[in-house]
């Protein structure tokens, strides 16, 4: 399965053959066989998160000015 996002101009799109309705900006898992055709139509692949990219650094502590 490929995870794709619909960024298009319509509020939402339905793909009956895949049983999907996706709102603009929404993502869906689609079969690998359908992904190339959707990418050709402007859909965007959702990048896979690597285990190291989910680690967040702690924000610096807030300090008060004297």
N, C-alpha and C. Protein backbone atom coordinates (compact mmCIF):
# COMPACT_ATOMS: atom_id res chain seq x y z
N UNK A 1 0.84 -1.19 0.00
CA UNK A 1 0.00 0.00 0.00
C UNK A 1 0.88 1.24 0.00
N UNK A 2 0.41 2.25 -0.68
CA UNK A 2 1.09 3.54 -0.71
C UNK A 2 0.19 4.56 -0.03
N UNK A 3 0.79 5.48 0.70
CA UNK A 3 0.01 6.54 1.35
C UNK A 3 0.17 7.79 0.50
N UNK A 4 -0.98 8.31 0.00
CA UNK A 4 -0.99 9.48 -0.86
C UNK A 4 -1.91 10.55 -0.29
N UNK A 5 -1.60 11.81 -0.62
CA UNK A 5 -2.40 12.96 -0.21
C UNK A 5 -3.01 13.60 -1.45
N UNK A 6 -4.28 13.98 -1.35
CA UNK A 6 -4.95 14.67 -2.45
C UNK A 6 -4.86 16.18 -2.21
N UNK A 7 -4.07 16.91 -3.03
CA UNK A 7 -3.94 18.35 -2.85
C UNK A 7 -4.77 19.16 -3.86
N UNK A 8 -5.59 18.50 -4.63
CA UNK A 8 -6.26 19.10 -5.78
C UNK A 8 -7.24 20.22 -5.51
N UNK A 9 -7.84 20.72 -6.57
CA UNK A 9 -8.73 21.88 -6.48
C UNK A 9 -10.13 21.56 -5.95
N UNK A 10 -10.55 20.31 -6.04
CA UNK A 10 -11.90 19.96 -5.58
C UNK A 10 -11.91 19.78 -4.06
N UNK A 11 -13.06 20.01 -3.47
CA UNK A 11 -13.20 19.85 -2.02
C UNK A 11 -12.94 18.41 -1.59
N UNK A 12 -13.35 17.47 -2.42
CA UNK A 12 -13.13 16.05 -2.15
C UNK A 12 -13.25 15.29 -3.46
N UNK A 13 -12.64 14.12 -3.51
CA UNK A 13 -12.75 13.24 -4.67
C UNK A 13 -13.17 11.85 -4.22
N UNK A 14 -13.96 11.20 -5.06
CA UNK A 14 -14.36 9.83 -4.81
C UNK A 14 -13.73 8.94 -5.87
N UNK A 15 -13.23 7.80 -5.43
CA UNK A 15 -12.68 6.82 -6.34
C UNK A 15 -13.42 5.52 -6.05
N UNK A 16 -14.56 5.32 -6.71
CA UNK A 16 -15.40 4.15 -6.43
C UNK A 16 -14.67 2.81 -6.58
N UNK A 17 -13.80 2.71 -7.57
CA UNK A 17 -13.11 1.43 -7.78
C UNK A 17 -12.20 1.05 -6.61
N UNK A 18 -11.79 2.06 -5.82
CA UNK A 18 -10.96 1.80 -4.64
C UNK A 18 -11.77 1.92 -3.35
N UNK A 19 -13.02 2.33 -3.48
CA UNK A 19 -13.86 2.51 -2.29
C UNK A 19 -13.39 3.66 -1.42
N UNK A 20 -12.88 4.73 -2.06
CA UNK A 20 -12.32 5.86 -1.31
C UNK A 20 -13.03 7.17 -1.62
N UNK A 21 -13.15 8.00 -0.63
CA UNK A 21 -13.49 9.41 -0.78
C UNK A 21 -12.47 10.15 0.07
N UNK A 22 -11.75 11.07 -0.55
CA UNK A 22 -10.67 11.78 0.14
C UNK A 22 -10.90 13.28 0.01
N UNK A 23 -10.89 13.97 1.15
CA UNK A 23 -11.03 15.43 1.14
C UNK A 23 -9.71 16.07 0.74
N UNK A 24 -9.79 17.31 0.22
CA UNK A 24 -8.60 18.05 -0.14
C UNK A 24 -7.68 18.13 1.07
N UNK A 25 -6.42 17.79 0.88
CA UNK A 25 -5.45 17.80 1.97
C UNK A 25 -5.44 16.51 2.77
N UNK A 26 -6.40 15.63 2.49
CA UNK A 26 -6.48 14.36 3.21
C UNK A 26 -5.61 13.30 2.58
N UNK A 27 -5.30 12.29 3.35
CA UNK A 27 -4.46 11.19 2.88
C UNK A 27 -5.22 9.88 2.93
N UNK A 28 -4.78 8.95 2.09
CA UNK A 28 -5.39 7.62 2.05
C UNK A 28 -4.35 6.59 1.66
N UNK A 29 -4.56 5.37 2.13
CA UNK A 29 -3.74 4.25 1.69
C UNK A 29 -4.38 3.71 0.42
N UNK A 30 -3.58 3.61 -0.63
CA UNK A 30 -4.08 3.10 -1.91
C UNK A 30 -3.21 1.93 -2.34
N UNK A 31 -3.78 1.01 -3.11
CA UNK A 31 -2.97 -0.12 -3.59
C UNK A 31 -1.78 0.37 -4.43
N UNK A 32 -0.68 -0.34 -4.33
CA UNK A 32 0.53 0.04 -5.07
C UNK A 32 0.27 0.12 -6.57
N UNK A 33 -0.66 -0.69 -7.07
CA UNK A 33 -0.96 -0.67 -8.50
C UNK A 33 -1.63 0.63 -8.93
N UNK A 34 -2.38 1.27 -8.04
CA UNK A 34 -3.11 2.50 -8.37
C UNK A 34 -2.28 3.76 -8.13
N UNK A 35 -1.26 3.67 -7.31
CA UNK A 35 -0.48 4.84 -6.92
C UNK A 35 0.13 5.60 -8.09
N UNK A 36 0.77 4.94 -9.06
CA UNK A 36 1.38 5.71 -10.16
C UNK A 36 0.37 6.56 -10.94
N UNK A 37 -0.83 6.02 -11.14
CA UNK A 37 -1.85 6.77 -11.88
C UNK A 37 -2.31 7.99 -11.09
N UNK A 38 -2.46 7.84 -9.78
CA UNK A 38 -2.88 8.97 -8.95
C UNK A 38 -1.77 10.01 -8.87
N UNK A 39 -0.53 9.57 -8.78
CA UNK A 39 0.59 10.51 -8.76
C UNK A 39 0.65 11.31 -10.06
N UNK A 40 0.35 10.65 -11.19
CA UNK A 40 0.30 11.34 -12.48
C UNK A 40 -0.81 12.39 -12.51
N UNK A 41 -1.84 12.21 -11.69
CA UNK A 41 -2.97 13.15 -11.65
C UNK A 41 -2.76 14.25 -10.61
N UNK A 42 -1.59 14.29 -9.98
CA UNK A 42 -1.30 15.37 -9.06
C UNK A 42 -1.32 15.01 -7.58
N UNK A 43 -1.68 13.79 -7.25
CA UNK A 43 -1.62 13.37 -5.86
C UNK A 43 -0.16 13.39 -5.42
N UNK A 44 0.07 13.47 -4.12
CA UNK A 44 1.43 13.53 -3.61
C UNK A 44 1.68 12.37 -2.64
N UNK A 45 2.88 11.79 -2.76
CA UNK A 45 3.26 10.71 -1.85
C UNK A 45 3.54 11.28 -0.47
N UNK A 46 3.06 10.59 0.55
CA UNK A 46 3.35 10.99 1.93
C UNK A 46 4.69 10.36 2.28
N UNK A 47 5.68 11.18 2.64
CA UNK A 47 6.99 10.59 2.96
C UNK A 47 6.91 9.71 4.20
N UNK A 48 7.61 8.59 4.13
CA UNK A 48 7.65 7.71 5.29
C UNK A 48 8.55 8.34 6.34
N UNK A 49 8.11 8.24 7.58
CA UNK A 49 8.90 8.80 8.67
C UNK A 49 9.95 7.78 9.08
N UNK A 50 11.18 8.23 9.16
CA UNK A 50 12.23 7.34 9.64
C UNK A 50 12.22 7.37 11.16
N UNK A 51 12.65 6.31 11.79
CA UNK A 51 12.62 6.27 13.26
C UNK A 51 13.38 7.41 13.91
N UNK A 52 14.42 7.91 13.26
CA UNK A 52 15.20 8.99 13.87
C UNK A 52 14.53 10.34 13.69
N UNK A 53 13.66 10.47 12.70
CA UNK A 53 13.05 11.78 12.46
C UNK A 53 11.93 12.09 13.45
N UNK A 54 11.48 11.09 14.20
CA UNK A 54 10.41 11.34 15.15
C UNK A 54 10.93 11.83 16.50
N UNK A 55 12.24 11.79 16.67
CA UNK A 55 12.83 12.25 17.93
C UNK A 55 12.88 13.77 17.91
N UNK A 56 12.31 14.38 18.92
CA UNK A 56 12.30 15.84 19.01
C UNK A 56 13.27 16.28 20.09
N UNK A 57 13.95 17.37 19.81
CA UNK A 57 14.83 17.94 20.81
C UNK A 57 13.99 18.80 21.75
N UNK A 58 14.39 18.82 22.97
CA UNK A 58 13.68 19.63 23.96
C UNK A 58 13.88 21.11 23.64
N UNK A 59 12.83 21.88 23.83
CA UNK A 59 12.92 23.32 23.61
C UNK A 59 13.76 23.94 24.71
N UNK A 60 14.50 24.98 24.41
CA UNK A 60 15.28 25.63 25.47
C UNK A 60 14.36 26.22 26.52
N UNK A 61 14.82 26.22 27.73
CA UNK A 61 14.01 26.74 28.83
C UNK A 61 13.81 28.23 28.66
N UNK A 62 12.63 28.69 28.99
CA UNK A 62 12.34 30.13 28.89
C UNK A 62 13.06 30.84 30.04
N UNK A 63 13.56 32.01 29.76
CA UNK A 63 14.23 32.79 30.79
C UNK A 63 13.60 34.16 30.84
N UNK A 64 13.61 34.74 32.02
CA UNK A 64 13.09 36.09 32.18
C UNK A 64 14.23 37.07 32.10
N UNK A 65 13.97 38.17 31.47
CA UNK A 65 14.98 39.22 31.43
C UNK A 65 14.99 39.94 32.76
N UNK A 66 16.17 40.34 33.26
CA UNK A 66 16.23 41.02 34.57
C UNK A 66 15.58 42.39 34.54
